[in-house]
C-alpha cells in the first residue's frame, strides 16, 4: 500500500502548488504564466533525458533512466499533454478570478468523475472500507462547494465556476488516461513525466503566440514573479509522486485520485493564513470529513 503514502505526498505538494499558482496569477496575464510555469518543468525533466542519452549507466543507477520510445508512444504522450493543457487553460483562467478557498474544492470534485468512470469502464472495485472513505471524502468536497456558494460564488451562474468545472472534467479524463499509460501500457513514471512536460511546452508556447501576443496590450499585463518558477518545481514534485503511486499495479485510480485531491485541505489552510481569505464553519466541517475519509481509505 505504499502508493497511498506517495499519493498523500503528492497531495501535500499539490496544495503548495495551488498557493504558488494563485500568487502567480493574481492581477497577471494567464497565458504567459502558464508558459513560464511549463518552461520550469520542462527544464527540470531535461536532467533525466540528458542523463539517459549520454550516461545511461549513471541514469539507471540513480533511477533517472528514460528508455527510447516509438512513434506511437510519443503520440500517446502528446495526447496526454493536450488534455492537461486544456485543463490548465480553463482552471487557470478561473483561478485568477475565484478565491482559492472556493476554487480548490471545486477542482477537488475531479475524483468523483474519475471514480464513476473507473468503476464503470475500468472494472475497479475498491474495498468496503475504501468505498466508505471515498464516499465520506467526496461528500466533504460537496460541503466545501456549498460553503463556497454561500460565500458569494453561485455555482450555477458564475462563469468562472463553470470554467473551473470544465477544467476539472479534463483533469478527470487525464487521470484515467494516466492509468492507461502507466499500468496498461507499462510506461515508466520518468518517461511519462519527461515527454509529457516537453510536449506541454510546445503546446503552451503555441497558445502564447496565438492567444496572448496579438492582444497583450489590451488585456492584463504580464508581470514576472519568482512564484512562477515555484509553480513548476512543485508541480514536478507532485506529479513525480503521483506517477510513481499510479505505476504500482495494485493502485486503484479511484483511490489515488481521491487522496491526491485532498490537497484541498492544504489549499484551504493556506488560503486562510497566507492569503487572508475568510473561512466559514462549513469549510472546517469539510476539512474534518476529508481527513476522516482519508483515514478510512488508508486502513
Protein backbone atom coordinates (compact mmCIF):
# COMPACT_ATOMS: atom_id res chain seq x y z
CA UNK A 1 0.00 0.00 0.00
CA UNK A 2 2.96 2.34 -0.47
CA UNK A 3 1.02 4.04 -3.26
CA UNK A 4 -1.22 5.59 -0.58
CA UNK A 5 1.75 7.39 1.01
CA UNK A 6 3.01 8.51 -2.40
CA UNK A 7 -0.45 9.87 -3.24
CA UNK A 8 -0.55 11.68 0.12
CA UNK A 9 2.87 13.21 -0.58
CA UNK A 10 1.59 14.33 -3.98
CA UNK A 11 -1.38 15.98 -2.24
CA UNK A 12 0.97 17.96 0.02
CA UNK A 13 2.98 19.32 -2.91
CA UNK A 14 -0.22 19.96 -4.87
CA UNK A 15 -1.59 22.11 -2.05
CA UNK A 16 1.60 24.21 -2.01
CA UNK A 17 1.42 24.35 -5.82
CA UNK A 18 -2.11 25.81 -5.60
CA UNK A 19 -0.85 28.64 -3.37
CA UNK A 20 2.09 29.43 -5.67
CA UNK A 21 -0.26 29.31 -8.66
CA UNK A 22 -2.70 31.76 -7.03
CA UNK A 23 0.18 34.12 -6.21
CA UNK A 24 1.44 33.93 -9.79
CA UNK A 25 -1.97 34.61 -11.37
CA UNK A 26 -3.11 37.45 -9.11
CA UNK A 27 -3.52 40.51 -11.39
CA UNK A 28 -1.37 38.85 -14.02
CA UNK A 29 -1.75 37.63 -17.62
CA UNK A 30 -2.73 33.95 -17.66
CA UNK A 31 -1.14 32.66 -20.89
CA UNK A 32 2.47 33.72 -20.22
CA UNK A 33 2.18 32.47 -16.62
CA UNK A 34 1.13 29.08 -17.99
CA UNK A 35 4.01 29.12 -20.44
CA UNK A 36 6.76 30.01 -17.97
CA UNK A 37 5.46 27.50 -15.41
CA UNK A 38 5.80 24.88 -18.15
CA UNK A 39 9.30 26.13 -19.03
CA UNK A 40 10.38 25.42 -15.45
CA UNK A 41 9.02 21.88 -15.51
CA UNK A 42 10.50 21.17 -18.95
CA UNK A 43 13.91 22.41 -17.80
CA UNK A 44 13.88 20.06 -14.81
CA UNK A 45 13.00 16.98 -16.87
CA UNK A 46 15.90 17.64 -19.22
CA UNK A 47 18.20 16.26 -16.50
CA UNK A 48 16.98 12.62 -16.71
CA UNK A 49 16.60 12.87 -20.50
CA UNK A 50 20.17 14.04 -20.99
CA UNK A 51 21.50 11.55 -18.45
CA UNK A 52 19.67 8.69 -20.21
CA UNK A 53 21.12 9.79 -23.55
CA UNK A 54 24.74 10.48 -22.62
CA UNK A 55 25.24 8.49 -19.39
CA UNK A 56 22.74 5.60 -19.43
CA UNK A 57 24.55 3.57 -16.74
CA UNK A 58 24.52 6.55 -14.39
CA UNK A 59 20.86 7.22 -15.18
CA UNK A 60 19.85 3.64 -14.41
CA UNK A 61 21.87 3.61 -11.18
CA UNK A 62 20.23 6.85 -9.96
CA UNK A 63 16.69 5.93 -11.01
CA UNK A 64 16.61 8.56 -13.78
CA UNK A 65 16.52 6.16 -16.74
CA UNK A 66 14.17 7.04 -19.60
CA UNK A 67 14.17 4.42 -22.39
CA UNK A 68 13.78 5.34 -26.07
CA UNK A 69 10.17 5.48 -27.31
CA UNK A 70 8.49 4.60 -30.57
CA UNK A 71 6.24 6.92 -32.58
CA UNK A 72 3.01 5.57 -31.13
CA UNK A 73 4.15 6.20 -27.55
CA UNK A 74 5.16 9.75 -28.44
CA UNK A 75 1.69 10.34 -29.91
CA UNK A 76 0.09 8.97 -26.75
CA UNK A 77 2.16 11.29 -24.52
CA UNK A 78 1.44 14.26 -26.79
CA UNK A 79 -2.28 13.50 -26.33
CA UNK A 80 -1.74 13.46 -22.55
CA UNK A 81 -0.12 16.91 -22.83
CA UNK A 82 -3.05 18.21 -24.90
CA UNK A 83 -5.63 17.02 -22.35
CA UNK A 84 -3.72 18.63 -19.48
CA UNK A 85 -3.22 21.84 -21.48
CA UNK A 86 -6.99 22.19 -21.90
CA UNK A 87 -7.45 21.52 -18.18
CA UNK A 88 -4.89 24.18 -17.30
CA UNK A 89 -6.34 26.71 -19.73
CA UNK A 90 -9.76 26.56 -18.09
CA UNK A 91 -8.67 26.22 -14.46
CA UNK A 92 -6.01 28.95 -14.58
CA UNK A 93 -8.49 31.41 -16.10
CA UNK A 94 -10.97 30.55 -13.35
CA UNK A 95 -8.42 30.62 -10.51
CA UNK A 96 -7.42 34.15 -11.46
CA UNK A 97 -10.94 35.34 -10.55
CA UNK A 98 -12.02 32.95 -7.77
CA UNK A 99 -10.88 32.79 -4.12
CA UNK A 100 -8.61 29.78 -3.64
CA UNK A 101 -10.84 28.51 -0.81
CA UNK A 102 -13.67 28.30 -3.40
CA UNK A 103 -11.70 27.20 -6.48
CA UNK A 104 -9.75 24.39 -4.79
CA UNK A 105 -12.82 22.47 -3.54
CA UNK A 106 -14.45 22.67 -6.98
CA UNK A 107 -11.24 21.38 -8.54
CA UNK A 108 -11.24 18.63 -5.93
CA UNK A 109 -14.51 17.26 -7.32
CA UNK A 110 -12.45 15.60 -10.09
CA UNK A 111 -12.20 12.30 -8.13
CA UNK A 112 -15.98 11.92 -8.32
CA UNK A 113 -15.88 11.81 -12.13
CA UNK A 114 -12.75 9.64 -12.03
CA UNK A 115 -14.39 7.24 -9.57
CA UNK A 116 -17.54 6.82 -11.68
CA UNK A 117 -15.51 6.19 -14.83
CA UNK A 118 -13.08 3.82 -13.08
CA UNK A 119 -15.91 1.67 -11.74
CA UNK A 120 -17.99 1.82 -14.93
CA UNK A 121 -15.29 1.32 -17.56
CA UNK A 122 -12.09 0.10 -15.88
CA UNK A 123 -13.67 -2.50 -13.61
CA UNK A 124 -12.13 -1.12 -10.40
CA UNK A 125 -13.70 -2.35 -7.16
CA UNK A 126 -12.48 -0.55 -4.02
CA UNK A 127 -12.84 -2.46 -0.74
CA UNK A 128 -15.82 -1.74 1.51
CA UNK A 129 -13.74 0.45 3.85
CA UNK A 130 -12.15 2.29 0.90
CA UNK A 131 -15.61 2.83 -0.59
CA UNK A 132 -16.88 4.34 2.65
CA UNK A 133 -13.78 6.56 2.86
CA UNK A 134 -14.23 7.69 -0.75
CA UNK A 135 -17.91 8.48 -0.12
CA UNK A 136 -17.10 10.47 3.03
CA UNK A 137 -14.32 12.40 1.26
CA UNK A 138 -16.37 13.25 -1.83
CA UNK A 139 -19.30 14.27 0.40
CA UNK A 140 -16.92 16.59 2.23
CA UNK A 141 -15.84 18.12 -1.08
CA UNK A 142 -19.51 18.89 -1.73
CA UNK A 143 -19.75 20.60 1.69
CA UNK A 144 -16.85 22.78 0.55
CA UNK A 145 -18.67 23.62 -2.68
CA UNK A 146 -21.85 24.61 -0.82
CA UNK A 147 -19.80 26.77 1.55
CA UNK A 148 -18.22 28.44 -1.47
CA UNK A 149 -21.64 29.22 -2.89
CA UNK A 150 -22.68 30.74 0.46
CA UNK A 151 -19.54 32.85 0.28
CA UNK A 152 -20.77 34.63 -2.86
CA UNK A 153 -19.84 32.31 -5.74
CA UNK A 154 -23.18 30.93 -7.06
CA UNK A 155 -22.25 27.62 -8.66
CA UNK A 156 -24.99 27.70 -11.30
CA UNK A 157 -24.33 31.26 -12.55
CA UNK A 158 -20.73 32.26 -12.03
CA UNK A 159 -18.87 31.77 -15.34
CA UNK A 160 -15.54 31.30 -13.56
CA UNK A 161 -17.03 28.43 -11.59
CA UNK A 162 -18.21 27.00 -14.92
CA UNK A 163 -14.71 27.22 -16.36
CA UNK A 164 -13.30 25.55 -13.26
CA UNK A 165 -15.77 22.68 -13.67
CA UNK A 166 -14.85 22.22 -17.35
CA UNK A 167 -11.16 22.18 -16.44
CA UNK A 168 -11.95 19.67 -13.71
CA UNK A 169 -13.57 17.33 -16.24
CA UNK A 170 -10.43 17.46 -18.39
CA UNK A 171 -8.41 16.76 -15.25
CA UNK A 172 -10.51 13.67 -14.50
CA UNK A 173 -10.01 12.45 -18.08
CA UNK A 174 -6.26 12.93 -17.65
CA UNK A 175 -6.28 10.77 -14.50
CA UNK A 176 -7.99 7.90 -16.31
CA UNK A 177 -5.56 8.23 -19.20
CA UNK A 178 -2.65 8.15 -16.73
CA UNK A 179 -3.73 4.71 -15.54
CA UNK A 180 -3.78 3.51 -19.16
CA UNK A 181 -0.28 4.87 -19.80
CA UNK A 182 1.33 3.63 -16.58
CA UNK A 183 -0.44 0.35 -15.89
CA UNK A 184 -1.83 -0.92 -19.21
CA UNK A 185 0.99 0.25 -21.47
CA UNK A 186 3.68 -0.05 -18.78
CA UNK A 187 5.36 3.29 -19.41
CA UNK A 188 7.61 4.40 -16.53
CA UNK A 189 6.88 7.44 -14.32
CA UNK A 190 10.05 9.23 -15.53
CA UNK A 191 9.15 8.57 -19.16
CA UNK A 192 5.61 9.90 -18.82
CA UNK A 193 6.67 12.98 -16.87
CA UNK A 194 9.59 13.94 -19.11
CA UNK A 195 7.95 13.69 -22.52
CA UNK A 196 4.59 14.98 -21.30
CA UNK A 197 6.35 18.08 -19.90
CA UNK A 198 8.20 18.73 -23.16
CA UNK A 199 5.05 18.37 -25.25
CA UNK A 200 3.28 20.70 -22.80
CA UNK A 201 5.98 23.29 -23.51
CA UNK A 202 5.29 23.13 -27.25
CA UNK A 203 1.53 23.44 -26.76
CA UNK A 204 1.77 26.30 -24.26
CA UNK A 205 4.24 28.13 -26.49
CA UNK A 206 1.82 27.85 -29.40
CA UNK A 207 -1.03 29.17 -27.27
CA UNK A 208 1.02 32.16 -26.13
CA UNK A 209 1.72 33.04 -29.77
CA UNK A 210 -1.92 32.52 -30.74
CA UNK A 211 -3.88 33.99 -27.81
CA UNK A 212 -1.60 36.38 -25.89
CA UNK A 213 0.96 38.01 -28.19
CA UNK A 214 -1.64 39.57 -30.56
CA UNK A 215 -3.73 41.05 -27.69
CA UNK A 216 -1.14 41.59 -24.94
CA UNK A 217 -1.54 45.38 -24.96
CA UNK A 218 -5.31 45.16 -24.46
CA UNK A 219 -5.55 42.81 -21.50
CA UNK A 220 -3.86 42.37 -18.14
CA UNK A 221 -0.10 42.98 -18.50
CA UNK A 222 2.33 40.19 -17.67
CA UNK A 223 4.46 40.61 -14.53
CA UNK A 224 7.35 38.27 -13.84
CA UNK A 225 7.26 36.71 -10.36
CA UNK A 226 9.52 34.10 -8.84
CA UNK A 227 6.46 32.21 -7.65
CA UNK A 228 6.04 31.19 -11.31
CA UNK A 229 9.23 29.14 -11.06
CA UNK A 230 8.00 27.66 -7.78
CA UNK A 231 4.78 26.55 -9.52
CA UNK A 232 6.80 24.48 -11.98
CA UNK A 233 9.03 22.94 -9.30
CA UNK A 234 6.14 22.00 -7.01
CA UNK A 235 4.14 20.51 -9.87
CA UNK A 236 7.07 18.34 -10.95
CA UNK A 237 7.40 17.06 -7.36
CA UNK A 238 3.65 16.41 -7.03
CA UNK A 239 3.42 14.67 -10.41
CA UNK A 240 6.51 12.52 -9.78
CA UNK A 241 4.97 11.09 -6.60
CA UNK A 242 1.59 10.71 -8.32
CA UNK A 243 3.03 8.85 -11.32
CA UNK A 244 5.03 6.55 -9.04
CA UNK A 245 1.90 5.83 -6.99
CA UNK A 246 -0.14 5.03 -10.07
CA UNK A 247 2.58 2.84 -11.60
CA UNK A 248 2.02 0.38 -8.73
CA UNK A 249 -0.06 -2.45 -10.28
CA UNK A 250 -2.18 -2.65 -7.12
CA UNK A 251 -3.04 1.07 -7.19
CA UNK A 252 -6.64 2.00 -7.96
CA UNK A 253 -7.06 5.33 -9.75
CA UNK A 254 -10.35 5.78 -7.85
CA UNK A 255 -8.36 5.73 -4.58
CA UNK A 256 -5.25 7.59 -5.75
CA UNK A 257 -7.23 10.46 -7.28
CA UNK A 258 -9.28 10.96 -4.09
CA UNK A 259 -6.17 11.03 -1.90
CA UNK A 260 -4.32 13.36 -4.27
CA UNK A 261 -7.17 15.86 -4.33
CA UNK A 262 -7.10 16.04 -0.53
CA UNK A 263 -4.64 18.83 -1.35
CA UNK A 264 -7.76 20.96 -0.83
CA UNK A 265 -7.02 20.76 2.91
CA UNK A 266 -3.61 22.39 2.35
CA UNK A 267 -5.10 24.95 -0.06
CA UNK A 268 -7.85 25.79 2.40
CA UNK A 269 -5.42 26.36 5.28
CA UNK A 270 -3.02 28.42 3.17
CA UNK A 271 -5.90 30.44 1.72
CA UNK A 272 -6.84 31.47 5.27
CA UNK A 273 -3.42 32.01 6.85
CA UNK A 274 -1.41 33.27 3.88
CA UNK A 275 -3.95 34.88 1.54
CA UNK A 276 -6.19 36.05 4.44
CA UNK A 277 -9.37 34.60 2.91
CA UNK A 278 -12.40 34.44 5.22
CA UNK A 279 -13.17 30.91 6.44
CA UNK A 280 -16.69 29.59 7.04
CA UNK A 281 -17.68 26.97 9.64
CA UNK A 282 -18.94 24.61 6.92
CA UNK A 283 -15.45 24.55 5.40
CA UNK A 284 -13.96 23.35 8.69
CA UNK A 285 -16.58 20.58 8.68
CA UNK A 286 -15.46 19.73 5.15
CA UNK A 287 -11.82 19.53 6.26
CA UNK A 288 -12.74 17.17 9.11
CA UNK A 289 -14.71 14.98 6.70
CA UNK A 290 -11.85 14.79 4.21
CA UNK A 291 -9.37 13.79 6.91
CA UNK A 292 -11.78 11.13 8.21
CA UNK A 293 -12.25 9.79 4.68
CA UNK A 294 -8.50 9.57 4.14
CA UNK A 295 -8.08 7.64 7.39
CA UNK A 296 -10.73 5.13 6.27
CA UNK A 297 -9.09 4.74 2.84
CA UNK A 298 -5.69 4.10 4.47
CA UNK A 299 -6.88 1.40 6.91
